[in-house]
Structures are given as structure tokens and as C-alpha cells.
Amino acid sequence: MNSPTATHEQRRWPRWLRRGPMEITACIVITAGLVMMLQPLAMVLYTWSFVTTLFGTLLFMVVSKFPE
């Protein structure tokens, strides 16, 4: 049986801000950073690849604490 606190907590978080969709977003950002790092065409993409990968990793660490 669900406790009133758990039900209330789930209602406070919007659906797009829950763990599942945000973890997928973080994984996409990490993948984009890796693709930017490995592509041979544009130096600007390579320059920003580390920052993008780092941001995705930090986002994943924060989002993993969100409720389901």
C-alpha cells in the first residue's frame, strides 16, 4: 500500500523531470560528447567535446537521485 508521502512526492515532480527521461537525456549528451571527440572534421566540436561529456556525466549523477 502506498504511503501518503510517496503519493504526494510523485505528484510534485512533473513527468518529464523524473529519473527515466532525464537519465536518457544525460546519456544522449554523453554520447554526443563522445561523437564530438571522435569526429575528424571540425576542431570546434573537438574543443567542446570534453565539456559536453563532463556536463552529461554530472547531469547523470544528479538525475540518478531523482524519484522514479
N, C-alpha and C. Protein backbone atom coordinates (compact mmCIF):
# COMPACT_ATOMS: atom_id res chain seq x y z
N MET A 1 0.84 -1.17 0.00
CA MET A 1 0.00 0.00 0.00
C MET A 1 0.89 1.24 0.00
N ASN A 2 0.54 2.20 -0.81
CA ASN A 2 1.34 3.43 -0.91
C ASN A 2 1.09 4.33 0.28
N SER A 3 2.16 4.91 0.75
CA SER A 3 2.01 5.87 1.84
C SER A 3 1.60 7.23 1.26
N PRO A 4 0.95 8.07 2.03
CA PRO A 4 0.54 9.39 1.51
C PRO A 4 1.73 10.24 1.10
N THR A 5 2.86 10.07 1.76
CA THR A 5 4.04 10.86 1.43
C THR A 5 4.56 10.50 0.04
N ALA A 6 4.61 9.21 -0.28
CA ALA A 6 5.10 8.78 -1.59
C ALA A 6 4.18 9.27 -2.70
N THR A 7 2.88 9.20 -2.48
CA THR A 7 1.94 9.65 -3.49
C THR A 7 2.06 11.15 -3.69
N HIS A 8 2.21 11.89 -2.60
CA HIS A 8 2.35 13.34 -2.69
C HIS A 8 3.65 13.71 -3.39
N GLU A 9 4.72 12.97 -3.11
CA GLU A 9 6.02 13.27 -3.73
C GLU A 9 5.97 13.03 -5.24
N GLN A 10 5.28 11.99 -5.67
CA GLN A 10 5.19 11.71 -7.10
C GLN A 10 4.36 12.77 -7.81
N ARG A 11 3.39 13.35 -7.15
CA ARG A 11 2.58 14.38 -7.78
C ARG A 11 3.33 15.69 -7.92
N ARG A 12 4.31 15.94 -7.05
CA ARG A 12 5.05 17.20 -7.11
C ARG A 12 5.98 17.28 -8.31
N TRP A 13 6.56 16.16 -8.74
CA TRP A 13 7.53 16.16 -9.83
C TRP A 13 6.81 16.02 -11.16
N PRO A 14 7.08 16.92 -12.12
CA PRO A 14 6.49 16.73 -13.45
C PRO A 14 7.02 15.46 -14.10
N ARG A 15 6.26 14.91 -15.02
CA ARG A 15 6.63 13.65 -15.65
C ARG A 15 7.96 13.74 -16.39
N TRP A 16 8.26 14.85 -17.05
CA TRP A 16 9.49 14.98 -17.83
C TRP A 16 10.71 15.15 -16.93
N LEU A 17 10.49 15.45 -15.63
CA LEU A 17 11.59 15.69 -14.71
C LEU A 17 11.90 14.46 -13.86
N ARG A 18 11.29 13.34 -14.18
CA ARG A 18 11.55 12.12 -13.42
C ARG A 18 12.82 11.44 -13.91
N ARG A 19 13.25 10.43 -13.19
CA ARG A 19 14.55 9.82 -13.42
C ARG A 19 14.70 9.21 -14.82
N GLY A 20 13.72 8.47 -15.29
CA GLY A 20 13.83 7.77 -16.57
C GLY A 20 14.14 8.69 -17.75
N PRO A 21 13.28 9.66 -18.04
CA PRO A 21 13.54 10.54 -19.18
C PRO A 21 14.81 11.38 -19.03
N MET A 22 15.12 11.80 -17.81
CA MET A 22 16.31 12.62 -17.61
C MET A 22 17.59 11.81 -17.72
N GLU A 23 17.57 10.52 -17.31
CA GLU A 23 18.75 9.67 -17.50
C GLU A 23 19.00 9.44 -18.97
N ILE A 24 17.95 9.27 -19.75
CA ILE A 24 18.11 9.09 -21.19
C ILE A 24 18.70 10.35 -21.81
N THR A 25 18.23 11.51 -21.36
CA THR A 25 18.78 12.78 -21.84
C THR A 25 20.26 12.90 -21.51
N ALA A 26 20.63 12.53 -20.29
CA ALA A 26 22.04 12.59 -19.88
C ALA A 26 22.88 11.64 -20.73
N CYS A 27 22.37 10.46 -21.01
CA CYS A 27 23.11 9.51 -21.85
C CYS A 27 23.28 10.04 -23.27
N ILE A 28 22.28 10.72 -23.78
CA ILE A 28 22.37 11.31 -25.11
C ILE A 28 23.43 12.41 -25.14
N VAL A 29 23.50 13.22 -24.08
CA VAL A 29 24.52 14.28 -24.01
C VAL A 29 25.91 13.68 -23.93
N ILE A 30 26.08 12.62 -23.15
CA ILE A 30 27.38 11.94 -23.06
C ILE A 30 27.77 11.37 -24.42
N THR A 31 26.84 10.73 -25.10
CA THR A 31 27.11 10.16 -26.42
C THR A 31 27.46 11.26 -27.42
N ALA A 32 26.77 12.37 -27.36
CA ALA A 32 27.08 13.49 -28.26
C ALA A 32 28.50 14.00 -28.01
N GLY A 33 28.91 14.07 -26.74
CA GLY A 33 30.26 14.49 -26.42
C GLY A 33 31.31 13.53 -26.97
N LEU A 34 31.04 12.24 -26.88
CA LEU A 34 31.98 11.25 -27.41
C LEU A 34 32.06 11.32 -28.93
N VAL A 35 30.92 11.50 -29.58
CA VAL A 35 30.93 11.63 -31.04
C VAL A 35 31.68 12.88 -31.45
N MET A 36 31.48 13.96 -30.71
CA MET A 36 32.22 15.20 -31.00
C MET A 36 33.73 14.98 -30.84
N MET A 37 34.11 14.18 -29.87
CA MET A 37 35.52 13.95 -29.61
C MET A 37 36.17 13.08 -30.70
N LEU A 38 35.41 12.18 -31.28
CA LEU A 38 35.97 11.22 -32.23
C LEU A 38 35.83 11.62 -33.69
N GLN A 39 35.10 12.69 -33.96
CA GLN A 39 34.92 13.09 -35.36
C GLN A 39 36.17 13.83 -35.86
N PRO A 40 36.52 13.67 -37.14
CA PRO A 40 37.76 14.28 -37.65
C PRO A 40 37.56 15.58 -38.42
N LEU A 41 36.35 16.17 -38.43
CA LEU A 41 36.07 17.25 -39.36
C LEU A 41 36.19 18.66 -38.78
N ALA A 42 35.67 18.90 -37.61
CA ALA A 42 35.59 20.26 -37.09
C ALA A 42 36.33 20.37 -35.75
N MET A 43 37.28 21.26 -35.70
CA MET A 43 38.06 21.45 -34.48
C MET A 43 37.20 22.05 -33.36
N VAL A 44 36.22 22.86 -33.72
CA VAL A 44 35.34 23.47 -32.71
C VAL A 44 34.56 22.39 -31.96
N LEU A 45 34.09 21.37 -32.65
CA LEU A 45 33.38 20.27 -31.99
C LEU A 45 34.32 19.51 -31.06
N TYR A 46 35.54 19.28 -31.52
CA TYR A 46 36.52 18.59 -30.68
C TYR A 46 36.84 19.42 -29.43
N THR A 47 36.92 20.73 -29.60
CA THR A 47 37.23 21.61 -28.48
C THR A 47 36.16 21.54 -27.39
N TRP A 48 34.90 21.48 -27.76
CA TRP A 48 33.81 21.46 -26.80
C TRP A 48 33.41 20.06 -26.36
N SER A 49 34.05 19.04 -26.88
CA SER A 49 33.64 17.66 -26.58
C SER A 49 33.85 17.29 -25.11
N PHE A 50 34.98 17.71 -24.53
CA PHE A 50 35.23 17.36 -23.13
C PHE A 50 34.20 18.02 -22.21
N VAL A 51 33.89 19.28 -22.48
CA VAL A 51 32.91 19.99 -21.65
C VAL A 51 31.54 19.33 -21.78
N THR A 52 31.18 18.93 -22.98
CA THR A 52 29.89 18.28 -23.21
C THR A 52 29.82 16.94 -22.48
N THR A 53 30.88 16.14 -22.58
CA THR A 53 30.90 14.85 -21.91
C THR A 53 30.87 15.04 -20.39
N LEU A 54 31.61 16.00 -19.89
CA LEU A 54 31.61 16.27 -18.46
C LEU A 54 30.24 16.73 -17.98
N PHE A 55 29.59 17.60 -18.73
CA PHE A 55 28.25 18.06 -18.38
C PHE A 55 27.26 16.89 -18.35
N GLY A 56 27.34 16.01 -19.34
CA GLY A 56 26.46 14.85 -19.37
C GLY A 56 26.68 13.93 -18.19
N THR A 57 27.94 13.75 -17.81
CA THR A 57 28.25 12.90 -16.66
C THR A 57 27.73 13.51 -15.37
N LEU A 58 27.94 14.79 -15.18
CA LEU A 58 27.43 15.47 -13.99
C LEU A 58 25.90 15.44 -13.95
N LEU A 59 25.29 15.64 -15.11
CA LEU A 59 23.83 15.58 -15.20
C LEU A 59 23.33 14.19 -14.81
N PHE A 60 24.01 13.15 -15.27
CA PHE A 60 23.60 11.79 -14.93
C PHE A 60 23.73 11.54 -13.43
N MET A 61 24.80 12.06 -12.82
CA MET A 61 24.99 11.87 -11.38
C MET A 61 23.89 12.57 -10.58
N VAL A 62 23.47 13.75 -11.00
CA VAL A 62 22.43 14.48 -10.30
C VAL A 62 21.07 13.82 -10.53
N VAL A 63 20.81 13.45 -11.76
CA VAL A 63 19.50 12.90 -12.13
C VAL A 63 19.28 11.53 -11.48
N SER A 64 20.34 10.80 -11.21
CA SER A 64 20.17 9.48 -10.61
C SER A 64 19.60 9.57 -9.19
N LYS A 65 19.56 10.76 -8.61
CA LYS A 65 18.97 10.96 -7.28
C LYS A 65 17.48 11.34 -7.36
N PHE A 66 16.96 11.60 -8.55
CA PHE A 66 15.56 11.99 -8.73
C PHE A 66 14.64 10.81 -8.44
N PRO A 67 13.38 11.09 -8.06
CA PRO A 67 12.43 10.00 -7.86
C PRO A 67 12.00 9.39 -9.18
N GLU A 68 11.54 8.16 -9.11
CA GLU A 68 11.08 7.49 -10.32
C GLU A 68 9.70 7.93 -10.59
